[in-house]
Amino acid sequence: MNIIINGQTKEFPIEITLENVLKELSLEGKVMAAAVNMQIVKQANWSSYILNDGDKLELLDFVGGG
């Protein structure tokens, strides 16, 4: 199954959750917001949100500056 993450296509096993994608990419605790196909997915739902082939996932991390 292919998922487009921040513009780059990545291959994952079928029936993967948003939370497991973050684990696979070693992004646990780093991502502050996620949108699938332009729809925000609340962080409380990441463990149960199952991604589909061809989904477009945008992961955002907020960085402070000075």
N, C-alpha and C. Protein backbone atom coordinates (compact mmCIF):
# COMPACT_ATOMS: atom_id res chain seq x y z
N MET A 1 0.86 -1.17 0.00
CA MET A 1 0.00 0.00 0.00
C MET A 1 0.90 1.23 0.00
N ASN A 2 0.57 2.22 -0.83
CA ASN A 2 1.35 3.45 -0.92
C ASN A 2 0.60 4.61 -0.29
N ILE A 3 1.33 5.38 0.51
CA ILE A 3 0.80 6.58 1.15
C ILE A 3 1.74 7.72 0.80
N ILE A 4 1.17 8.85 0.43
CA ILE A 4 1.98 10.02 0.09
C ILE A 4 2.11 10.86 1.36
N ILE A 5 3.35 10.95 1.87
CA ILE A 5 3.61 11.67 3.11
C ILE A 5 4.43 12.91 2.80
N ASN A 6 3.83 14.06 3.06
CA ASN A 6 4.48 15.35 2.78
C ASN A 6 5.09 15.36 1.38
N GLY A 7 4.34 14.82 0.41
CA GLY A 7 4.74 14.86 -0.98
C GLY A 7 5.60 13.70 -1.45
N GLN A 8 6.00 12.80 -0.55
CA GLN A 8 6.84 11.66 -0.95
C GLN A 8 6.07 10.36 -0.73
N THR A 9 6.12 9.49 -1.72
CA THR A 9 5.42 8.21 -1.64
C THR A 9 6.21 7.21 -0.82
N LYS A 10 5.53 6.59 0.15
CA LYS A 10 6.14 5.55 0.99
C LYS A 10 5.25 4.33 0.94
N GLU A 11 5.86 3.15 1.03
CA GLU A 11 5.11 1.90 0.99
C GLU A 11 4.98 1.34 2.40
N PHE A 12 3.77 0.90 2.74
CA PHE A 12 3.46 0.34 4.04
C PHE A 12 2.60 -0.90 3.87
N PRO A 13 2.57 -1.75 4.92
CA PRO A 13 1.65 -2.89 4.87
C PRO A 13 0.20 -2.40 4.90
N ILE A 14 -0.69 -3.21 4.40
CA ILE A 14 -2.11 -2.86 4.40
C ILE A 14 -2.62 -2.78 5.84
N GLU A 15 -3.68 -2.01 6.04
CA GLU A 15 -4.31 -1.87 7.36
C GLU A 15 -3.37 -1.27 8.41
N ILE A 16 -2.71 -0.18 8.07
CA ILE A 16 -1.83 0.48 9.02
C ILE A 16 -2.52 1.73 9.57
N THR A 17 -2.34 1.96 10.86
CA THR A 17 -2.94 3.15 11.47
C THR A 17 -1.99 4.34 11.34
N LEU A 18 -2.55 5.50 11.52
CA LEU A 18 -1.75 6.73 11.50
C LEU A 18 -0.66 6.66 12.57
N GLU A 19 -1.00 6.20 13.75
CA GLU A 19 -0.02 6.07 14.84
C GLU A 19 1.12 5.14 14.45
N ASN A 20 0.81 4.02 13.78
CA ASN A 20 1.85 3.09 13.38
C ASN A 20 2.73 3.64 12.27
N VAL A 21 2.17 4.48 11.41
CA VAL A 21 3.00 5.15 10.40
C VAL A 21 4.03 6.03 11.09
N LEU A 22 3.61 6.77 12.10
CA LEU A 22 4.55 7.62 12.83
C LEU A 22 5.63 6.80 13.51
N LYS A 23 5.26 5.64 14.06
CA LYS A 23 6.25 4.75 14.68
C LYS A 23 7.24 4.24 13.63
N GLU A 24 6.72 3.82 12.47
CA GLU A 24 7.59 3.31 11.40
C GLU A 24 8.58 4.37 10.94
N LEU A 25 8.18 5.63 10.96
CA LEU A 25 9.02 6.73 10.51
C LEU A 25 9.84 7.35 11.64
N SER A 26 9.74 6.77 12.84
CA SER A 26 10.43 7.29 14.04
C SER A 26 10.07 8.74 14.32
N LEU A 27 8.78 9.05 14.19
CA LEU A 27 8.31 10.42 14.41
C LEU A 27 7.41 10.53 15.64
N GLU A 28 7.35 9.50 16.46
CA GLU A 28 6.53 9.56 17.67
C GLU A 28 6.99 10.73 18.54
N GLY A 29 6.04 11.50 19.00
CA GLY A 29 6.35 12.63 19.88
C GLY A 29 6.86 13.86 19.15
N LYS A 30 7.11 13.76 17.86
CA LYS A 30 7.63 14.89 17.09
C LYS A 30 6.56 15.59 16.27
N VAL A 31 5.53 14.85 15.88
CA VAL A 31 4.47 15.40 15.05
C VAL A 31 3.38 15.99 15.93
N MET A 32 2.99 17.22 15.63
CA MET A 32 1.98 17.90 16.43
C MET A 32 0.61 17.90 15.77
N ALA A 33 0.57 17.76 14.45
CA ALA A 33 -0.70 17.76 13.73
C ALA A 33 -0.58 16.87 12.50
N ALA A 34 -1.71 16.25 12.14
CA ALA A 34 -1.73 15.38 10.97
C ALA A 34 -3.03 15.61 10.20
N ALA A 35 -2.90 15.62 8.89
CA ALA A 35 -4.07 15.75 8.02
C ALA A 35 -4.00 14.65 6.98
N VAL A 36 -5.13 13.99 6.76
CA VAL A 36 -5.24 12.96 5.74
C VAL A 36 -6.22 13.47 4.69
N ASN A 37 -5.73 13.58 3.46
CA ASN A 37 -6.55 14.09 2.36
C ASN A 37 -7.19 15.43 2.71
N MET A 38 -6.38 16.30 3.31
CA MET A 38 -6.76 17.68 3.65
C MET A 38 -7.74 17.77 4.83
N GLN A 39 -7.94 16.68 5.57
CA GLN A 39 -8.82 16.67 6.74
C GLN A 39 -7.97 16.41 7.98
N ILE A 40 -8.03 17.32 8.95
CA ILE A 40 -7.29 17.15 10.19
C ILE A 40 -7.80 15.92 10.94
N VAL A 41 -6.86 15.12 11.44
CA VAL A 41 -7.20 13.97 12.27
C VAL A 41 -6.73 14.30 13.68
N LYS A 42 -7.65 14.29 14.62
CA LYS A 42 -7.30 14.61 16.01
C LYS A 42 -6.33 13.56 16.56
N GLN A 43 -5.39 14.04 17.35
CA GLN A 43 -4.36 13.17 17.90
C GLN A 43 -4.96 12.01 18.70
N ALA A 44 -6.07 12.22 19.35
CA ALA A 44 -6.73 11.16 20.11
C ALA A 44 -7.20 10.02 19.22
N ASN A 45 -7.34 10.26 17.91
CA ASN A 45 -7.83 9.25 16.97
C ASN A 45 -6.72 8.57 16.17
N TRP A 46 -5.47 8.98 16.35
CA TRP A 46 -4.38 8.44 15.55
C TRP A 46 -4.24 6.93 15.69
N SER A 47 -4.48 6.39 16.88
CA SER A 47 -4.28 4.95 17.09
C SER A 47 -5.35 4.10 16.41
N SER A 48 -6.49 4.70 16.08
CA SER A 48 -7.57 3.93 15.45
C SER A 48 -7.82 4.34 13.99
N TYR A 49 -7.16 5.40 13.53
CA TYR A 49 -7.39 5.89 12.17
C TYR A 49 -6.59 5.03 11.19
N ILE A 50 -7.29 4.25 10.36
CA ILE A 50 -6.65 3.37 9.39
C ILE A 50 -6.51 4.10 8.06
N LEU A 51 -5.29 4.09 7.54
CA LEU A 51 -5.01 4.74 6.26
C LEU A 51 -5.32 3.80 5.11
N ASN A 52 -5.62 4.39 3.95
CA ASN A 52 -5.95 3.65 2.74
C ASN A 52 -4.91 3.91 1.67
N ASP A 53 -4.81 2.98 0.73
CA ASP A 53 -3.89 3.12 -0.38
C ASP A 53 -4.14 4.44 -1.11
N GLY A 54 -3.08 5.21 -1.33
CA GLY A 54 -3.20 6.47 -2.06
C GLY A 54 -3.52 7.68 -1.20
N ASP A 55 -3.72 7.48 0.11
CA ASP A 55 -3.99 8.62 0.99
C ASP A 55 -2.83 9.60 0.96
N LYS A 56 -3.18 10.88 1.08
CA LYS A 56 -2.17 11.94 1.16
C LYS A 56 -2.12 12.41 2.61
N LEU A 57 -0.99 12.16 3.25
CA LEU A 57 -0.79 12.46 4.65
C LEU A 57 0.17 13.64 4.79
N GLU A 58 -0.27 14.65 5.51
CA GLU A 58 0.58 15.80 5.80
C GLU A 58 0.86 15.80 7.30
N LEU A 59 2.14 15.79 7.65
CA LEU A 59 2.56 15.79 9.05
C LEU A 59 3.23 17.11 9.36
N LEU A 60 2.79 17.74 10.42
CA LEU A 60 3.30 19.06 10.77
C LEU A 60 3.95 19.03 12.14
N ASP A 61 5.07 19.71 12.24
CA ASP A 61 5.78 19.88 13.49
C ASP A 61 5.98 21.37 13.70
N PHE A 62 5.58 21.86 14.84
CA PHE A 62 5.70 23.28 15.12
C PHE A 62 7.06 23.56 15.73
N VAL A 63 7.76 24.52 15.12
CA VAL A 63 9.09 24.87 15.55
C VAL A 63 9.10 26.31 15.99
N GLY A 64 9.63 26.54 17.18
CA GLY A 64 9.74 27.92 17.68
C GLY A 64 11.05 28.53 17.21
N GLY A 65 11.05 29.81 17.07
CA GLY A 65 12.27 30.49 16.63
C GLY A 65 12.51 31.72 17.48
N GLY A 66 13.63 32.31 17.24
CA GLY A 66 13.94 33.47 18.06
C GLY A 66 14.65 34.55 17.32
